[in-house]
Structure formats: structure tokens, C-alpha cells
Amino acid sequence: MVQHEQDRRVRRTRRQLQQALVTLMREKELREITVRELTELADVNRGTFYAHYKDLEDMLEQVEHELFQQLSQVLEAHTPEEMQGNLSPILRDVFSFVWENRELCLTMIGHQQGEPFFQELRRLIYGKYLREWNGLYDLGSAGRTRPNYCLEFVVSGALGLVRAWVEGDMAEGPEEMAGLAEQLIVNGLPARKDPNWKEKGPFWT
């Protein structure tokens, strides 16, 4: 019971520090933030901060690592057999994950850390494909020396969609975005029969 209470306090403290970091990173660069102002905003003493992190850079790295660990667990929950011919569940879970962590994702993408964030996200998805999803869909051989153009197109397109959604303040819900992603991945862009379609906005409206 004592250990459980300690673990709960640790998680609460780390959440307070994380929320304070997100708030401050919306206003300034990481290098401009001090441990003092972070701990004051989080209502945590400096000694407690240093019990968890070496410095602010270490804290940001740990926060990103934890985020990607959680996302990896989301991906691991879907077996290749479940994904055969049906991408809806995994796409829905990924967009829901981003939605649930939207404050942190908004901060990472809007900050100079945005590019490393997406590079790591791309590495995670690409690695998952090479280890487990290769062969589910005809994206070409993953082991050849030439670039796998189809895989690059799908991964880059999916990440671009996530990025645009986050930068657009997530006006659409995760279910709607998951449906759009599946439509684009599986069916591609739909043909327009209406000659005036350009005047009517995006095709999914």
C-alpha cells in the first residue's frame, strides 16, 4: 500500500511538471525556460525536479520517450491478422491517441522540436511495418536496395495528415480523421464528376 501511494505521488508530480513544461513551451523556447520558473508554475520544489530529471533537456527527452512508448503500445495492440483488409481500428486508435495527448502534441509540433518528433514517429511506424506488417499490403519489397516508394508515400502521407490535423487545432474528431486516412490509403483520391468541384472546398466536406 505504501509503495502504491508513493508511485501515485510520483506520477502526480511528473504530470504537474509536464503540464508546466507544456504551458511554458507555448510561450518561449526551451533554452529560455529556467528550472525555477518551471517548478514554481508546477508548485514543486527544485529538489523534487532534480530527483526525476537532470535538466530540462533531459525532461523533454523523457517526456517524448514516454509518449512514444505509449504510442508503441497502441500499435502493438493490433495484430497483422486484424489489420488485413481493415485499417479502421488502428487508425482510429492512433488518431484517438493524438487527440488524448493533444496539448503535448501541439507543443511538440509547434516547437522547434517538431521535426525530431516527426522523425521519431516515422521511425516507429516504419519499423513496425518492416517487422510485422510487411506483406499485408502490396507496398513492394521492404528488403530491396532501391527506395520503397510506395511505403514512403503511405507513411509520409499519414504523418502529413496527422501534422496538418494538429496544426489545424484538431477541428475534426479522431473518428472522422481515421476515416479520411483509411479512404486515402486504401482508395486514393476520389474522382470528381462535378466540373465545379474546385469551388466547393475539400472533397471530404
C-alpha atoms as a PDB file:
ATOM      1  CA  MET A   1       0.000   0.000   0.000  1.00  0.00           C
ATOM      2  CA  VAL A   2       2.858   2.384   0.881  1.00  0.00           C
ATOM      3  CA  GLN A   3       4.580   1.671  -2.436  1.00  0.00           C
ATOM      4  CA  HIS A   4       1.313   2.279  -4.288  1.00  0.00           C
ATOM      5  CA  GLU A   5       0.898   5.679  -2.628  1.00  0.00           C
ATOM      6  CA  GLN A   6       4.489   6.606  -3.469  1.00  0.00           C
ATOM      7  CA  ASP A   7       4.022   5.609  -7.099  1.00  0.00           C
ATOM      8  CA  ARG A   8       0.867   7.669  -7.281  1.00  0.00           C
ATOM      9  CA  ARG A   9       2.638  10.718  -5.868  1.00  0.00           C
ATOM     10  CA  VAL A  10       5.468  10.276  -8.375  1.00  0.00           C
ATOM     11  CA  ARG A  11       3.022  10.114 -11.284  1.00  0.00           C
ATOM     12  CA  ARG A  12       1.168  13.174  -9.990  1.00  0.00           C
ATOM     13  CA  THR A  13       4.398  15.142  -9.610  1.00  0.00           C
ATOM     14  CA  ARG A  14       5.582  14.229 -13.093  1.00  0.00           C
ATOM     15  CA  ARG A  15       2.202  15.225 -14.546  1.00  0.00           C
ATOM     16  CA  GLN A  16       2.411  18.606 -12.802  1.00  0.00           C
ATOM     17  CA  LEU A  17       5.896  19.194 -14.167  1.00  0.00           C
ATOM     18  CA  GLN A  18       4.899  18.054 -17.656  1.00  0.00           C
ATOM     19  CA  GLN A  19       1.873  20.340 -17.744  1.00  0.00           C
ATOM     20  CA  ALA A  20       4.020  23.259 -16.585  1.00  0.00           C
ATOM     21  CA  LEU A  21       6.575  22.499 -19.304  1.00  0.00           C
ATOM     22  CA  VAL A  22       3.863  22.395 -21.972  1.00  0.00           C
ATOM     23  CA  THR A  23       2.494  25.738 -20.768  1.00  0.00           C
ATOM     24  CA  LEU A  24       5.895  27.421 -20.810  1.00  0.00           C
ATOM     25  CA  MET A  25       6.913  25.953 -24.176  1.00  0.00           C
ATOM     26  CA  ARG A  26       3.877  27.613 -25.729  1.00  0.00           C
ATOM     27  CA  GLU A  27       5.389  30.952 -24.757  1.00  0.00           C
ATOM     28  CA  LYS A  28       9.126  30.518 -25.264  1.00  0.00           C
ATOM     29  CA  GLU A  29      11.916  28.249 -26.442  1.00  0.00           C
ATOM     30  CA  LEU A  30      13.163  25.507 -24.138  1.00  0.00           C
ATOM     31  CA  ARG A  31      16.543  27.236 -23.732  1.00  0.00           C
ATOM     32  CA  GLU A  32      14.748  30.304 -22.354  1.00  0.00           C
ATOM     33  CA  ILE A  33      12.925  28.344 -19.629  1.00  0.00           C
ATOM     34  CA  THR A  34      14.506  28.014 -16.194  1.00  0.00           C
ATOM     35  CA  VAL A  35      14.029  25.214 -13.711  1.00  0.00           C
ATOM     36  CA  ARG A  36      12.967  27.809 -11.148  1.00  0.00           C
ATOM     37  CA  GLU A  37      10.025  29.114 -13.190  1.00  0.00           C
ATOM     38  CA  LEU A  38       9.034  25.580 -14.170  1.00  0.00           C
ATOM     39  CA  THR A  39       8.936  24.341 -10.593  1.00  0.00           C
ATOM     40  CA  GLU A  40       7.144  27.463  -9.376  1.00  0.00           C
ATOM     41  CA  LEU A  41       4.453  27.014 -12.012  1.00  0.00           C
ATOM     42  CA  ALA A  42       4.150  23.301 -11.186  1.00  0.00           C
ATOM     43  CA  ASP A  43       4.175  24.035  -7.437  1.00  0.00           C
ATOM     44  CA  VAL A  44       7.026  21.566  -6.989  1.00  0.00           C
ATOM     45  CA  ASN A  45      10.337  22.274  -5.276  1.00  0.00           C
ATOM     46  CA  ARG A  46      13.597  22.218  -7.213  1.00  0.00           C
ATOM     47  CA  GLY A  47      14.919  19.239  -5.289  1.00  0.00           C
ATOM     48  CA  THR A  48      11.943  17.174  -6.432  1.00  0.00           C
ATOM     49  CA  PHE A  49      12.588  18.192 -10.039  1.00  0.00           C
ATOM     50  CA  TYR A  50      16.222  17.054  -9.843  1.00  0.00           C
ATOM     51  CA  ALA A  51      15.127  13.790  -8.261  1.00  0.00           C
ATOM     52  CA  HIS A  52      13.414  12.992 -11.570  1.00  0.00           C
ATOM     53  CA  TYR A  53      15.446  14.824 -14.227  1.00  0.00           C
ATOM     54  CA  LYS A  54      18.997  16.022 -14.797  1.00  0.00           C
ATOM     55  CA  ASP A  55      17.869  19.211 -16.535  1.00  0.00           C
ATOM     56  CA  LEU A  56      15.128  20.500 -18.823  1.00  0.00           C
ATOM     57  CA  GLU A  57      16.583  18.821 -21.903  1.00  0.00           C
ATOM     58  CA  ASP A  58      16.561  15.502 -20.068  1.00  0.00           C
ATOM     59  CA  MET A  59      12.976  16.114 -19.006  1.00  0.00           C
ATOM     60  CA  LEU A  60      11.850  16.819 -22.573  1.00  0.00           C
ATOM     61  CA  GLU A  61      13.611  13.685 -23.811  1.00  0.00           C
ATOM     62  CA  GLN A  62      11.912  11.578 -21.138  1.00  0.00           C
ATOM     63  CA  VAL A  63       8.504  13.072 -21.909  1.00  0.00           C
ATOM     64  CA  GLU A  64       8.950  12.299 -25.612  1.00  0.00           C
ATOM     65  CA  HIS A  65      10.192   8.794 -24.803  1.00  0.00           C
ATOM     66  CA  GLU A  66       7.171   8.084 -22.619  1.00  0.00           C
ATOM     67  CA  LEU A  67       4.854   9.400 -25.323  1.00  0.00           C
ATOM     68  CA  PHE A  68       6.357   7.118 -27.952  1.00  0.00           C
ATOM     69  CA  GLN A  69       6.301   4.158 -25.582  1.00  0.00           C
ATOM     70  CA  GLN A  70       2.576   4.680 -25.138  1.00  0.00           C
ATOM     71  CA  LEU A  71       2.059   5.012 -28.897  1.00  0.00           C
ATOM     72  CA  SER A  72       4.088   1.858 -29.470  1.00  0.00           C
ATOM     73  CA  GLN A  73       1.745   0.027 -27.101  1.00  0.00           C
ATOM     74  CA  VAL A  74      -1.207   1.290 -29.149  1.00  0.00           C
ATOM     75  CA  LEU A  75       0.379  -0.124 -32.313  1.00  0.00           C
ATOM     76  CA  GLU A  76       1.351  -3.392 -30.636  1.00  0.00           C
ATOM     77  CA  ALA A  77      -2.276  -3.993 -29.641  1.00  0.00           C
ATOM     78  CA  HIS A  78      -3.153  -4.632 -33.308  1.00  0.00           C
ATOM     79  CA  THR A  79      -2.032  -7.918 -34.811  1.00  0.00           C
ATOM     80  CA  PRO A  80      -1.237  -8.292 -38.512  1.00  0.00           C
ATOM     81  CA  GLU A  81      -4.208 -10.651 -38.846  1.00  0.00           C
ATOM     82  CA  GLU A  82      -6.590  -7.993 -37.513  1.00  0.00           C
ATOM     83  CA  MET A  83      -5.213  -5.403 -39.910  1.00  0.00           C
ATOM     84  CA  GLN A  84      -5.589  -7.480 -43.055  1.00  0.00           C
ATOM     85  CA  GLY A  85      -8.083  -5.597 -45.185  1.00  0.00           C
ATOM     86  CA  ASN A  86      -9.257  -3.377 -42.326  1.00  0.00           C
ATOM     87  CA  LEU A  87      -7.187  -0.406 -41.175  1.00  0.00           C
ATOM     88  CA  SER A  88     -10.024   1.340 -39.333  1.00  0.00           C
ATOM     89  CA  PRO A  89      -9.237   0.077 -35.790  1.00  0.00           C
ATOM     90  CA  ILE A  90      -5.544   1.001 -35.778  1.00  0.00           C
ATOM     91  CA  LEU A  91      -6.104   4.355 -37.496  1.00  0.00           C
ATOM     92  CA  ARG A  92      -8.879   5.174 -35.064  1.00  0.00           C
ATOM     93  CA  ASP A  93      -6.653   4.302 -32.095  1.00  0.00           C
ATOM     94  CA  VAL A  94      -3.730   6.350 -33.425  1.00  0.00           C
ATOM     95  CA  PHE A  95      -5.840   9.463 -34.020  1.00  0.00           C
ATOM     96  CA  SER A  96      -7.526   8.968 -30.649  1.00  0.00           C
ATOM     97  CA  PHE A  97      -4.100   8.744 -29.004  1.00  0.00           C
ATOM     98  CA  VAL A  98      -3.042  12.030 -30.588  1.00  0.00           C
ATOM     99  CA  TRP A  99      -6.378  13.559 -29.526  1.00  0.00           C
ATOM    100  CA  GLU A 100      -5.931  12.438 -25.917  1.00  0.00           C
ATOM    101  CA  ASN A 101      -2.396  13.852 -25.867  1.00  0.00           C
ATOM    102  CA  ARG A 102      -3.224  16.904 -27.957  1.00  0.00           C
ATOM    103  CA  GLU A 103      -1.682  19.504 -25.637  1.00  0.00           C
ATOM    104  CA  LEU A 104       1.683  17.751 -25.685  1.00  0.00           C
ATOM    105  CA  CYS A 105       1.480  17.033 -29.427  1.00  0.00           C
ATOM    106  CA  LEU A 106       0.572  20.645 -30.185  1.00  0.00           C
ATOM    107  CA  THR A 107       3.556  21.801 -28.161  1.00  0.00           C
ATOM    108  CA  MET A 108       5.991  19.399 -29.813  1.00  0.00           C
ATOM    109  CA  ILE A 109       4.814  20.170 -33.334  1.00  0.00           C
ATOM    110  CA  GLY A 110       4.646  23.926 -32.814  1.00  0.00           C
ATOM    111  CA  HIS A 111       8.074  23.984 -31.221  1.00  0.00           C
ATOM    112  CA  GLN A 112      11.490  23.614 -32.839  1.00  0.00           C
ATOM    113  CA  GLN A 113      11.377  20.032 -31.566  1.00  0.00           C
ATOM    114  CA  GLY A 114       8.677  19.320 -34.142  1.00  0.00           C
ATOM    115  CA  GLU A 115      10.980  17.832 -36.760  1.00  0.00           C
ATOM    116  CA  PRO A 116      12.732  15.375 -34.410  1.00  0.00           C
ATOM    117  CA  PHE A 117       9.284  14.480 -33.055  1.00  0.00           C
ATOM    118  CA  PHE A 118       8.032  13.502 -36.504  1.00  0.00           C
ATOM    119  CA  GLN A 119      11.280  11.786 -37.417  1.00  0.00           C
ATOM    120  CA  GLU A 120      10.885   9.553 -34.379  1.00  0.00           C
ATOM    121  CA  LEU A 121       7.216   8.948 -35.177  1.00  0.00           C
ATOM    122  CA  ARG A 122       8.147   7.993 -38.738  1.00  0.00           C
ATOM    123  CA  ARG A 123      10.867   5.642 -37.463  1.00  0.00           C
ATOM    124  CA  LEU A 124       8.389   3.968 -35.119  1.00  0.00           C
ATOM    125  CA  ILE A 125       5.781   3.337 -37.828  1.00  0.00           C
ATOM    126  CA  TYR A 126       8.334   2.360 -40.472  1.00  0.00           C
ATOM    127  CA  GLY A 127       9.972  -0.112 -38.088  1.00  0.00           C
ATOM    128  CA  LYS A 128       6.614  -1.621 -37.208  1.00  0.00           C
ATOM    129  CA  TYR A 129       5.919  -2.201 -40.896  1.00  0.00           C
ATOM    130  CA  LEU A 130       9.283  -3.822 -41.546  1.00  0.00           C
ATOM    131  CA  ARG A 131       8.976  -6.130 -38.513  1.00  0.00           C
ATOM    132  CA  GLU A 132       5.329  -7.146 -38.640  1.00  0.00           C
ATOM    133  CA  TRP A 133       3.216  -5.529 -41.348  1.00  0.00           C
ATOM    134  CA  ASN A 134       5.344  -6.317 -44.397  1.00  0.00           C
ATOM    135  CA  GLY A 135       3.225  -8.354 -46.750  1.00  0.00           C
ATOM    136  CA  LEU A 136      -0.169  -7.184 -45.521  1.00  0.00           C
ATOM    137  CA  TYR A 137      -0.466  -4.804 -48.448  1.00  0.00           C
ATOM    138  CA  ASP A 138       1.330  -4.624 -51.759  1.00  0.00           C
ATOM    139  CA  LEU A 139       3.789  -1.839 -50.991  1.00  0.00           C
ATOM    140  CA  GLY A 140       6.731  -3.511 -52.648  1.00  0.00           C
ATOM    141  CA  SER A 141       9.667  -5.389 -51.155  1.00  0.00           C
ATOM    142  CA  ALA A 142      10.997  -3.916 -47.926  1.00  0.00           C
ATOM    143  CA  GLY A 143      14.410  -5.534 -48.313  1.00  0.00           C
ATOM    144  CA  ARG A 144      15.473  -4.202 -51.700  1.00  0.00           C
ATOM    145  CA  THR A 145      18.291  -1.672 -52.082  1.00  0.00           C
ATOM    146  CA  ARG A 146      16.198   0.871 -54.018  1.00  0.00           C
ATOM    147  CA  PRO A 147      13.850   3.141 -52.039  1.00  0.00           C
ATOM    148  CA  ASN A 148      10.480   1.662 -51.219  1.00  0.00           C
ATOM    149  CA  TYR A 149       8.477   4.439 -52.844  1.00  0.00           C
ATOM    150  CA  CYS A 150       5.043   3.074 -52.003  1.00  0.00           C
ATOM    151  CA  LEU A 151       5.869   2.680 -48.326  1.00  0.00           C
ATOM    152  CA  GLU A 152       7.454   6.135 -48.206  1.00  0.00           C
ATOM    153  CA  PHE A 153       4.321   7.611 -49.802  1.00  0.00           C
ATOM    154  CA  VAL A 154       1.945   5.948 -47.346  1.00  0.00           C
ATOM    155  CA  VAL A 155       3.979   6.725 -44.201  1.00  0.00           C
ATOM    156  CA  SER A 156       4.772  10.307 -45.216  1.00  0.00           C
ATOM    157  CA  GLY A 157       1.170  10.904 -46.224  1.00  0.00           C
ATOM    158  CA  ALA A 158      -0.212   9.556 -42.950  1.00  0.00           C
ATOM    159  CA  LEU A 159       2.209  11.645 -40.894  1.00  0.00           C
ATOM    160  CA  GLY A 160       1.418  14.707 -43.006  1.00  0.00           C
ATOM    161  CA  LEU A 161      -2.258  14.191 -42.293  1.00  0.00           C
ATOM    162  CA  VAL A 162      -1.616  13.947 -38.540  1.00  0.00           C
ATOM    163  CA  ARG A 163       0.547  17.057 -38.643  1.00  0.00           C
ATOM    164  CA  ALA A 164      -1.988  19.103 -40.616  1.00  0.00           C
ATOM    165  CA  TRP A 165      -4.729  17.999 -38.226  1.00  0.00           C
ATOM    166  CA  VAL A 166      -2.765  19.036 -35.142  1.00  0.00           C
ATOM    167  CA  GLU A 167      -1.675  22.344 -36.681  1.00  0.00           C
ATOM    168  CA  GLY A 168      -5.309  22.979 -37.620  1.00  0.00           C
ATOM    169  CA  ASP A 169      -6.248  22.803 -33.922  1.00  0.00           C
ATOM    170  CA  MET A 170      -7.919  19.421 -34.396  1.00  0.00           C
ATOM    171  CA  ALA A 171     -11.197  20.860 -35.648  1.00  0.00           C
ATOM    172  CA  GLU A 172     -12.295  17.376 -36.729  1.00  0.00           C
ATOM    173  CA  GLY A 173     -12.719  14.448 -34.366  1.00  0.00           C
ATOM    174  CA  PRO A 174     -10.400  11.394 -34.376  1.00  0.00           C
ATOM    175  CA  GLU A 175     -13.096   9.155 -35.901  1.00  0.00           C
ATOM    176  CA  GLU A 176     -13.501  11.497 -38.866  1.00  0.00           C
ATOM    177  CA  MET A 177      -9.745  11.763 -39.414  1.00  0.00           C
ATOM    178  CA  ALA A 178      -9.299   7.985 -39.160  1.00  0.00           C
ATOM    179  CA  GLY A 179     -11.971   7.535 -41.833  1.00  0.00           C
ATOM    180  CA  LEU A 180     -10.292  10.074 -44.086  1.00  0.00           C
ATOM    181  CA  ALA A 181      -6.888   8.424 -43.614  1.00  0.00           C
ATOM    182  CA  GLU A 182      -8.268   4.992 -44.493  1.00  0.00           C
ATOM    183  CA  GLN A 183     -10.015   6.358 -47.563  1.00  0.00           C
ATOM    184  CA  LEU A 184      -6.811   7.969 -48.836  1.00  0.00           C
ATOM    185  CA  ILE A 185      -4.602   4.960 -48.070  1.00  0.00           C
ATOM    186  CA  VAL A 186      -6.934   2.287 -49.447  1.00  0.00           C
ATOM    187  CA  ASN A 187      -8.788   4.095 -52.223  1.00  0.00           C
ATOM    188  CA  GLY A 188      -6.697   7.146 -53.030  1.00  0.00           C
ATOM    189  CA  LEU A 189      -8.197  10.452 -54.106  1.00  0.00           C
ATOM    190  CA  PRO A 190     -11.771  10.081 -55.381  1.00  0.00           C
ATOM    191  CA  ALA A 191     -12.523  11.233 -58.905  1.00  0.00           C
ATOM    192  CA  ARG A 192     -14.633  14.368 -59.269  1.00  0.00           C
ATOM    193  CA  LYS A 193     -17.574  14.237 -61.643  1.00  0.00           C
ATOM    194  CA  ASP A 194     -18.758  17.755 -60.903  1.00  0.00           C
ATOM    195  CA  PRO A 195     -16.858  20.261 -63.115  1.00  0.00           C
ATOM    196  CA  ASN A 196     -17.336  22.958 -60.443  1.00  0.00           C
ATOM    197  CA  TRP A 197     -15.806  20.912 -57.610  1.00  0.00           C
ATOM    198  CA  LYS A 198     -12.932  23.353 -57.053  1.00  0.00           C
ATOM    199  CA  GLU A 199     -15.426  25.916 -55.813  1.00  0.00           C
ATOM    200  CA  LYS A 200     -16.858  23.576 -53.210  1.00  0.00           C
ATOM    201  CA  GLY A 201     -13.914  23.065 -50.891  1.00  0.00           C
ATOM    202  CA  PRO A 202     -12.197  19.849 -49.752  1.00  0.00           C
ATOM    203  CA  PHE A 203     -13.587  16.580 -51.069  1.00  0.00           C
ATOM    204  CA  TRP A 204     -14.483  15.245 -47.619  1.00  0.00           C
ATOM    205  CA  THR A 205     -16.871  18.098 -46.788  1.00  0.00           C
END
